[in-house]
Amino acid sequence: MSLERMTNRRYFVDFGRLTLEEEYESDERMTFRVIKGGGLVPDGHVETVTLTTAEIRPELLLVSWKEKSGAVIVEVWDFERWEIHGRFTLPDGTPLAVTGTMKQLD
């Protein structure tokens, strides 16, 4: 799946302690809403970010963005397995590795 095919779709992302709903407005723009922040970000936080993407191969994307807080997010989205592997740099510089799942909501 390319990011272009994700446009106008919503996804639920589950990293365990952190869960989100993500809506892709274009191949360069995504809005996320934090369902459960797990101490990393407040529950209910909503933000729209600009995406940088690269297709590694069909069904495998490398995606990154920077949040208003200063957090930098880099993720590999595997649509064959519906998994996400992420490396976050939190605003204070702390690195965090996460692995989770995603499912399409609409």
N, C-alpha and C. Protein backbone atom coordinates (compact mmCIF):
# COMPACT_ATOMS: atom_id res chain seq x y z
N MET A 1 0.85 -1.17 0.00
CA MET A 1 0.00 0.00 0.00
C MET A 1 0.89 1.23 0.00
N SER A 2 0.59 2.13 -0.87
CA SER A 2 1.33 3.39 -0.88
C SER A 2 0.60 4.39 0.00
N LEU A 3 1.30 5.41 0.42
CA LEU A 3 0.67 6.43 1.25
C LEU A 3 -0.45 7.12 0.48
N GLU A 4 -0.29 7.25 -0.82
CA GLU A 4 -1.33 7.86 -1.65
C GLU A 4 -2.64 7.10 -1.51
N ARG A 5 -2.58 5.77 -1.42
CA ARG A 5 -3.79 4.95 -1.26
C ARG A 5 -4.40 5.09 0.12
N MET A 6 -3.65 5.65 1.07
CA MET A 6 -4.16 5.84 2.42
C MET A 6 -4.94 7.14 2.57
N THR A 7 -4.85 8.02 1.59
CA THR A 7 -5.49 9.32 1.66
C THR A 7 -6.99 9.17 1.92
N ASN A 8 -7.49 10.01 2.82
CA ASN A 8 -8.89 10.04 3.23
C ASN A 8 -9.32 8.77 3.96
N ARG A 9 -8.38 8.14 4.65
CA ARG A 9 -8.68 6.96 5.45
C ARG A 9 -8.17 7.19 6.87
N ARG A 10 -8.80 6.47 7.81
CA ARG A 10 -8.41 6.56 9.21
C ARG A 10 -7.89 5.20 9.68
N TYR A 11 -6.94 5.25 10.60
CA TYR A 11 -6.33 4.03 11.13
C TYR A 11 -6.23 4.13 12.65
N PHE A 12 -6.32 2.99 13.30
CA PHE A 12 -6.08 2.88 14.73
C PHE A 12 -4.70 2.27 14.90
N VAL A 13 -3.84 2.94 15.66
CA VAL A 13 -2.48 2.47 15.88
C VAL A 13 -2.33 2.13 17.36
N ASP A 14 -1.83 0.93 17.63
CA ASP A 14 -1.71 0.44 19.00
C ASP A 14 -0.27 0.05 19.29
N PHE A 15 0.39 0.88 20.12
CA PHE A 15 1.74 0.59 20.58
C PHE A 15 1.73 0.04 22.01
N GLY A 16 0.56 -0.38 22.49
CA GLY A 16 0.44 -0.85 23.87
C GLY A 16 0.12 0.30 24.79
N ARG A 17 1.14 0.94 25.33
CA ARG A 17 0.91 2.06 26.26
C ARG A 17 0.44 3.32 25.55
N LEU A 18 0.65 3.41 24.25
CA LEU A 18 0.28 4.56 23.43
C LEU A 18 -0.63 4.09 22.31
N THR A 19 -1.85 4.67 22.23
CA THR A 19 -2.76 4.35 21.13
C THR A 19 -3.24 5.64 20.48
N LEU A 20 -3.44 5.58 19.16
CA LEU A 20 -3.80 6.77 18.41
C LEU A 20 -4.79 6.43 17.30
N GLU A 21 -5.52 7.45 16.85
CA GLU A 21 -6.24 7.40 15.59
C GLU A 21 -5.52 8.36 14.65
N GLU A 22 -5.28 7.90 13.44
CA GLU A 22 -4.58 8.72 12.45
C GLU A 22 -5.44 8.85 11.20
N GLU A 23 -5.52 10.07 10.68
CA GLU A 23 -6.26 10.32 9.45
C GLU A 23 -5.32 10.96 8.44
N TYR A 24 -5.26 10.36 7.26
CA TYR A 24 -4.35 10.82 6.21
C TYR A 24 -5.12 11.67 5.22
N GLU A 25 -4.84 12.97 5.24
CA GLU A 25 -5.53 13.93 4.40
C GLU A 25 -4.91 14.01 3.00
N SER A 26 -3.64 13.65 2.92
CA SER A 26 -2.91 13.61 1.65
C SER A 26 -1.68 12.75 1.88
N ASP A 27 -0.85 12.60 0.85
CA ASP A 27 0.37 11.81 1.04
C ASP A 27 1.44 12.57 1.82
N GLU A 28 1.14 13.84 2.17
CA GLU A 28 2.09 14.65 2.94
C GLU A 28 1.52 15.21 4.23
N ARG A 29 0.28 14.85 4.56
CA ARG A 29 -0.38 15.47 5.72
C ARG A 29 -1.21 14.45 6.47
N MET A 30 -1.00 14.40 7.79
CA MET A 30 -1.71 13.46 8.64
C MET A 30 -2.10 14.16 9.94
N THR A 31 -3.32 13.89 10.42
CA THR A 31 -3.76 14.37 11.72
C THR A 31 -3.90 13.17 12.63
N PHE A 32 -3.31 13.27 13.82
CA PHE A 32 -3.44 12.18 14.78
C PHE A 32 -4.14 12.68 16.04
N ARG A 33 -4.87 11.77 16.67
CA ARG A 33 -5.53 12.03 17.95
C ARG A 33 -5.10 10.96 18.91
N VAL A 34 -4.55 11.37 20.05
CA VAL A 34 -4.07 10.43 21.05
C VAL A 34 -5.27 9.89 21.83
N ILE A 35 -5.45 8.59 21.80
CA ILE A 35 -6.50 7.94 22.58
C ILE A 35 -5.97 7.70 23.99
N LYS A 36 -4.81 7.05 24.05
CA LYS A 36 -4.14 6.77 25.33
C LYS A 36 -2.68 7.19 25.18
N GLY A 37 -2.27 8.17 25.97
CA GLY A 37 -0.93 8.73 25.84
C GLY A 37 0.17 7.99 26.59
N GLY A 38 -0.20 7.15 27.53
CA GLY A 38 0.79 6.35 28.24
C GLY A 38 1.89 7.14 28.92
N GLY A 39 1.60 8.37 29.32
CA GLY A 39 2.60 9.20 29.97
C GLY A 39 3.55 9.90 29.00
N LEU A 40 3.38 9.65 27.71
CA LEU A 40 4.25 10.27 26.70
C LEU A 40 3.66 11.56 26.17
N VAL A 41 2.34 11.59 26.05
CA VAL A 41 1.62 12.75 25.51
C VAL A 41 0.22 12.72 26.14
N PRO A 42 -0.40 13.87 26.33
CA PRO A 42 -1.71 13.88 26.98
C PRO A 42 -2.78 13.15 26.17
N ASP A 43 -3.64 12.40 26.85
CA ASP A 43 -4.80 11.79 26.20
C ASP A 43 -5.60 12.91 25.53
N GLY A 44 -6.10 12.63 24.33
CA GLY A 44 -6.93 13.59 23.61
C GLY A 44 -6.15 14.61 22.78
N HIS A 45 -4.83 14.62 22.90
CA HIS A 45 -4.02 15.57 22.11
C HIS A 45 -4.27 15.33 20.62
N VAL A 46 -4.47 16.41 19.87
CA VAL A 46 -4.68 16.34 18.42
C VAL A 46 -3.66 17.24 17.76
N GLU A 47 -3.06 16.73 16.68
CA GLU A 47 -2.06 17.53 15.96
C GLU A 47 -2.03 17.10 14.50
N THR A 48 -1.81 18.07 13.63
CA THR A 48 -1.62 17.80 12.21
C THR A 48 -0.15 17.99 11.89
N VAL A 49 0.44 17.01 11.19
CA VAL A 49 1.87 17.04 10.90
C VAL A 49 2.10 16.87 9.39
N THR A 50 3.26 17.34 8.97
CA THR A 50 3.71 17.16 7.59
C THR A 50 4.61 15.94 7.53
N LEU A 51 4.30 15.03 6.63
CA LEU A 51 5.01 13.76 6.52
C LEU A 51 6.09 13.80 5.46
N THR A 52 7.16 13.09 5.73
CA THR A 52 8.18 12.76 4.73
C THR A 52 8.14 11.25 4.58
N THR A 53 8.00 10.77 3.35
CA THR A 53 7.83 9.33 3.14
C THR A 53 8.75 8.80 2.06
N ALA A 54 9.03 7.51 2.17
CA ALA A 54 9.77 6.79 1.14
C ALA A 54 9.23 5.37 1.09
N GLU A 55 8.91 4.93 -0.11
CA GLU A 55 8.46 3.56 -0.27
C GLU A 55 9.70 2.68 -0.39
N ILE A 56 9.87 1.76 0.56
CA ILE A 56 11.00 0.84 0.54
C ILE A 56 10.76 -0.25 -0.50
N ARG A 57 9.56 -0.76 -0.49
CA ARG A 57 9.07 -1.72 -1.47
C ARG A 57 7.55 -1.67 -1.35
N PRO A 58 6.81 -2.30 -2.27
CA PRO A 58 5.36 -2.30 -2.10
C PRO A 58 4.98 -2.84 -0.72
N GLU A 59 4.04 -2.16 -0.08
CA GLU A 59 3.52 -2.53 1.24
C GLU A 59 4.47 -2.22 2.40
N LEU A 60 5.60 -1.52 2.14
CA LEU A 60 6.54 -1.18 3.21
C LEU A 60 6.99 0.27 3.02
N LEU A 61 6.64 1.12 3.99
CA LEU A 61 6.94 2.55 3.90
C LEU A 61 7.79 3.01 5.07
N LEU A 62 8.67 3.96 4.80
CA LEU A 62 9.42 4.67 5.84
C LEU A 62 8.81 6.06 5.92
N VAL A 63 8.35 6.44 7.13
CA VAL A 63 7.62 7.69 7.32
C VAL A 63 8.22 8.44 8.50
N SER A 64 8.34 9.76 8.38
CA SER A 64 8.86 10.55 9.50
C SER A 64 8.15 11.90 9.54
N TRP A 65 8.18 12.49 10.76
CA TRP A 65 7.65 13.83 10.96
C TRP A 65 8.19 14.41 12.26
N LYS A 66 8.03 15.72 12.38
CA LYS A 66 8.40 16.41 13.62
C LYS A 66 7.15 17.05 14.19
N GLU A 67 6.95 16.88 15.49
CA GLU A 67 5.78 17.41 16.16
C GLU A 67 6.07 18.78 16.78
N LYS A 68 5.01 19.52 17.09
CA LYS A 68 5.17 20.86 17.68
C LYS A 68 5.98 20.82 18.97
N SER A 69 5.88 19.71 19.70
CA SER A 69 6.62 19.57 20.96
C SER A 69 8.13 19.47 20.75
N GLY A 70 8.53 19.17 19.51
CA GLY A 70 9.93 18.92 19.20
C GLY A 70 10.25 17.45 19.04
N ALA A 71 9.29 16.57 19.36
CA ALA A 71 9.50 15.14 19.17
C ALA A 71 9.68 14.83 17.69
N VAL A 72 10.60 13.93 17.40
CA VAL A 72 10.84 13.48 16.03
C VAL A 72 10.45 12.00 15.96
N ILE A 73 9.62 11.67 14.99
CA ILE A 73 9.08 10.33 14.85
C ILE A 73 9.55 9.74 13.53
N VAL A 74 10.10 8.52 13.58
CA VAL A 74 10.49 7.78 12.38
C VAL A 74 9.87 6.40 12.52
N GLU A 75 9.08 6.00 11.51
CA GLU A 75 8.39 4.72 11.57
C GLU A 75 8.52 3.95 10.26
N VAL A 76 8.54 2.64 10.39
CA VAL A 76 8.43 1.75 9.23
C VAL A 76 7.05 1.11 9.32
N TRP A 77 6.25 1.32 8.29
CA TRP A 77 4.89 0.78 8.23
C TRP A 77 4.89 -0.44 7.31
N ASP A 78 4.55 -1.58 7.87
CA ASP A 78 4.52 -2.84 7.13
C ASP A 78 3.06 -3.25 6.93
N PHE A 79 2.54 -3.02 5.73
CA PHE A 79 1.14 -3.31 5.45
C PHE A 79 0.89 -4.77 5.11
N GLU A 80 1.93 -5.57 4.91
CA GLU A 80 1.72 -7.01 4.76
C GLU A 80 1.36 -7.62 6.10
N ARG A 81 1.96 -7.11 7.17
CA ARG A 81 1.74 -7.65 8.52
C ARG A 81 0.91 -6.71 9.39
N TRP A 82 0.60 -5.50 8.88
CA TRP A 82 -0.12 -4.47 9.63
C TRP A 82 0.60 -4.16 10.93
N GLU A 83 1.93 -4.00 10.83
CA GLU A 83 2.79 -3.66 11.96
C GLU A 83 3.46 -2.31 11.71
N ILE A 84 3.79 -1.65 12.82
CA ILE A 84 4.57 -0.41 12.76
C ILE A 84 5.75 -0.55 13.71
N HIS A 85 6.93 -0.20 13.22
CA HIS A 85 8.14 -0.19 14.04
C HIS A 85 8.60 1.27 14.08
N GLY A 86 8.66 1.83 15.30
CA GLY A 86 8.97 3.24 15.42
C GLY A 86 10.16 3.52 16.29
N ARG A 87 10.82 4.61 15.97
CA ARG A 87 11.89 5.16 16.79
C ARG A 87 11.54 6.63 17.00
N PHE A 88 11.31 6.98 18.25
CA PHE A 88 10.93 8.35 18.59
C PHE A 88 12.09 9.00 19.33
N THR A 89 12.30 10.27 19.07
CA THR A 89 13.17 11.08 19.90
C THR A 89 12.26 12.08 20.59
N LEU A 90 12.11 11.93 21.90
CA LEU A 90 11.20 12.77 22.67
C LEU A 90 11.76 14.18 22.79
N PRO A 91 10.93 15.16 23.15
CA PRO A 91 11.39 16.56 23.21
C PRO A 91 12.63 16.78 24.08
N ASP A 92 12.81 15.95 25.13
CA ASP A 92 13.99 16.11 25.99
C ASP A 92 15.21 15.35 25.48
N GLY A 93 15.08 14.73 24.27
CA GLY A 93 16.20 14.01 23.67
C GLY A 93 16.21 12.52 23.96
N THR A 94 15.29 12.05 24.80
CA THR A 94 15.22 10.63 25.14
C THR A 94 14.78 9.81 23.93
N PRO A 95 15.52 8.75 23.58
CA PRO A 95 15.09 7.88 22.48
C PRO A 95 14.10 6.83 23.00
N LEU A 96 13.19 6.43 22.14
CA LEU A 96 12.19 5.43 22.50
C LEU A 96 11.93 4.55 21.29
N ALA A 97 12.00 3.23 21.47
CA ALA A 97 11.69 2.28 20.41
C ALA A 97 10.34 1.65 20.73
N VAL A 98 9.46 1.59 19.72
CA VAL A 98 8.14 1.00 19.89
C VAL A 98 7.83 0.09 18.71
N THR A 99 7.01 -0.90 18.97
CA THR A 99 6.47 -1.76 17.92
C THR A 99 5.01 -1.94 18.20
N GLY A 100 4.19 -1.87 17.17
CA GLY A 100 2.76 -2.01 17.38
C GLY A 100 2.04 -2.47 16.14
N THR A 101 0.73 -2.37 16.21
CA THR A 101 -0.12 -2.81 15.11
C THR A 101 -0.98 -1.65 14.66
N MET A 102 -1.52 -1.79 13.46
CA MET A 102 -2.45 -0.80 12.93
C MET A 102 -3.60 -1.52 12.25
N LYS A 103 -4.77 -0.89 12.27
CA LYS A 103 -5.91 -1.42 11.53
C LYS A 103 -6.68 -0.28 10.92
N GLN A 104 -7.23 -0.52 9.75
CA GLN A 104 -7.99 0.50 9.05
C GLN A 104 -9.35 0.62 9.69
N LEU A 105 -9.80 1.87 9.92
CA LEU A 105 -11.10 2.14 10.52
C LEU A 105 -12.18 2.39 9.48
N ASP A 106 -11.81 2.91 8.31
CA ASP A 106 -12.80 3.15 7.24
C ASP A 106 -12.14 3.07 5.90
